[in-house]
Amino acid sequence: MKLVGSTFITPLSTVVAIIGWFFPVLAHTATTAYVARAGVRGGLGLAFLFAWVVQFALGLALRLPVIAGVALGTVVTAIIALGLFASLWVTRNRAMSGSPAQP
């Protein structure tokens, strides 16, 4: 809290911190939802293995370097998180529309 009012805390740094926090949380929530969905629909073992691989990739992504001021780990995490979320969203929309779901 001693940094409040200092030049290190700016609106941009706050946005970057929130984004850096949001995407890992979204990725973990999406993998949990993916496994939960598979538990209901079948294929829990394969879904658990997929979620484990995704979580492993997220752990490796956090170790990526910062290049030109861009944290590559955050970018990779965002791509994984948004991809999983989009996949779950499309599956949800298909289920709600009554069309047959694809595996």
Protein backbone atom coordinates (compact mmCIF):
# COMPACT_ATOMS: atom_id res chain seq x y z
CA MET A 1 0.00 0.00 0.00
CA LYS A 2 2.99 2.30 0.26
CA LEU A 3 3.07 2.51 -3.53
CA VAL A 4 -0.26 4.32 -3.70
CA GLY A 5 0.39 7.77 -5.12
CA SER A 6 3.82 6.87 -6.42
CA THR A 7 4.84 7.08 -10.06
CA PHE A 8 4.88 3.26 -10.26
CA ILE A 9 1.11 3.07 -9.98
CA THR A 10 -0.64 4.46 -13.05
CA PRO A 11 -3.99 3.68 -14.66
CA LEU A 12 -2.17 1.72 -17.37
CA SER A 13 -0.23 -0.36 -14.85
CA THR A 14 -3.49 -1.10 -13.07
CA VAL A 15 -5.12 -2.29 -16.30
CA VAL A 16 -2.10 -4.47 -17.10
CA ALA A 17 -2.21 -5.98 -13.61
CA ILE A 18 -5.92 -6.76 -13.93
CA ILE A 19 -5.43 -8.34 -17.36
CA GLY A 20 -2.48 -10.32 -16.02
CA TRP A 21 -4.72 -11.64 -13.26
CA PHE A 22 -7.88 -12.18 -15.37
CA PHE A 23 -6.60 -14.53 -18.05
CA PRO A 24 -5.00 -17.14 -15.77
CA VAL A 25 -8.21 -17.22 -13.72
CA LEU A 26 -10.29 -17.56 -16.90
CA ALA A 27 -8.05 -20.38 -18.14
CA HIS A 28 -8.33 -22.32 -14.88
CA THR A 29 -12.09 -21.79 -14.73
CA ALA A 30 -12.51 -22.90 -18.35
CA THR A 31 -10.50 -26.10 -17.84
CA THR A 32 -12.58 -26.88 -14.75
CA ALA A 33 -15.79 -26.28 -16.71
CA TYR A 34 -14.49 -28.46 -19.55
CA VAL A 35 -13.86 -31.36 -17.17
CA ALA A 36 -17.22 -30.84 -15.44
CA ARG A 37 -19.00 -30.84 -18.81
CA ALA A 38 -17.22 -34.05 -19.77
CA GLY A 39 -18.24 -35.61 -16.47
CA VAL A 40 -21.88 -35.08 -17.37
CA ARG A 41 -21.64 -36.00 -21.06
CA GLY A 42 -19.07 -38.79 -20.87
CA GLY A 43 -15.38 -38.93 -21.65
CA LEU A 44 -14.19 -37.78 -18.25
CA GLY A 45 -10.82 -39.53 -18.49
CA LEU A 46 -9.88 -37.95 -21.80
CA ALA A 47 -11.15 -34.54 -20.66
CA PHE A 48 -9.11 -34.79 -17.47
CA LEU A 49 -6.00 -35.64 -19.49
CA PHE A 50 -6.68 -32.70 -21.84
CA ALA A 51 -7.16 -30.35 -18.89
CA TRP A 52 -3.91 -31.60 -17.34
CA VAL A 53 -2.02 -30.89 -20.58
CA VAL A 54 -3.57 -27.42 -20.79
CA GLN A 55 -2.65 -26.68 -17.17
CA PHE A 56 0.90 -27.88 -17.86
CA ALA A 57 1.09 -25.55 -20.87
CA LEU A 58 -0.19 -22.68 -18.75
CA GLY A 59 2.50 -23.36 -16.18
CA LEU A 60 5.16 -23.29 -18.89
CA ALA A 61 3.66 -20.13 -20.38
CA LEU A 62 4.15 -18.28 -17.11
CA ARG A 63 7.89 -18.91 -17.43
CA LEU A 64 8.16 -17.27 -20.85
CA PRO A 65 10.30 -14.13 -20.98
CA VAL A 66 9.25 -10.53 -21.38
CA ILE A 67 10.21 -9.30 -24.84
CA ALA A 68 9.91 -5.63 -25.80
CA GLY A 69 7.80 -4.98 -22.72
CA VAL A 70 5.29 -7.70 -23.57
CA ALA A 71 4.96 -10.63 -21.21
CA LEU A 72 4.71 -13.55 -23.62
CA GLY A 73 3.29 -15.74 -20.86
CA THR A 74 0.31 -13.45 -20.52
CA VAL A 75 -0.28 -13.47 -24.26
CA VAL A 76 -0.09 -17.28 -24.48
CA THR A 77 -2.31 -17.63 -21.41
CA ALA A 78 -4.84 -15.24 -22.95
CA ILE A 79 -4.91 -17.23 -26.19
CA ILE A 80 -5.42 -20.53 -24.34
CA ALA A 81 -8.06 -19.05 -22.04
CA LEU A 82 -10.03 -17.41 -24.83
CA GLY A 83 -9.83 -20.56 -26.97
CA LEU A 84 -11.18 -22.76 -24.18
CA PHE A 85 -13.87 -20.25 -23.30
CA ALA A 86 -14.95 -19.91 -26.94
CA SER A 87 -15.09 -23.69 -27.30
CA LEU A 88 -17.30 -24.01 -24.24
CA TRP A 89 -19.49 -21.11 -25.41
CA VAL A 90 -20.05 -22.70 -28.84
CA THR A 91 -20.85 -26.05 -27.21
CA ARG A 92 -23.31 -24.34 -24.87
CA ASN A 93 -25.02 -22.52 -27.73
CA ARG A 94 -25.35 -25.75 -29.72
CA ALA A 95 -26.86 -27.51 -26.74
CA MET A 96 -29.35 -24.71 -26.16
CA SER A 97 -30.39 -24.56 -29.81
CA GLY A 98 -31.17 -28.27 -29.88
CA SER A 99 -28.77 -29.09 -32.69
CA PRO A 100 -26.71 -32.24 -32.32
CA ALA A 101 -23.41 -31.65 -30.58
CA GLN A 102 -20.17 -32.72 -32.16
CA PRO A 103 -17.59 -34.52 -30.05
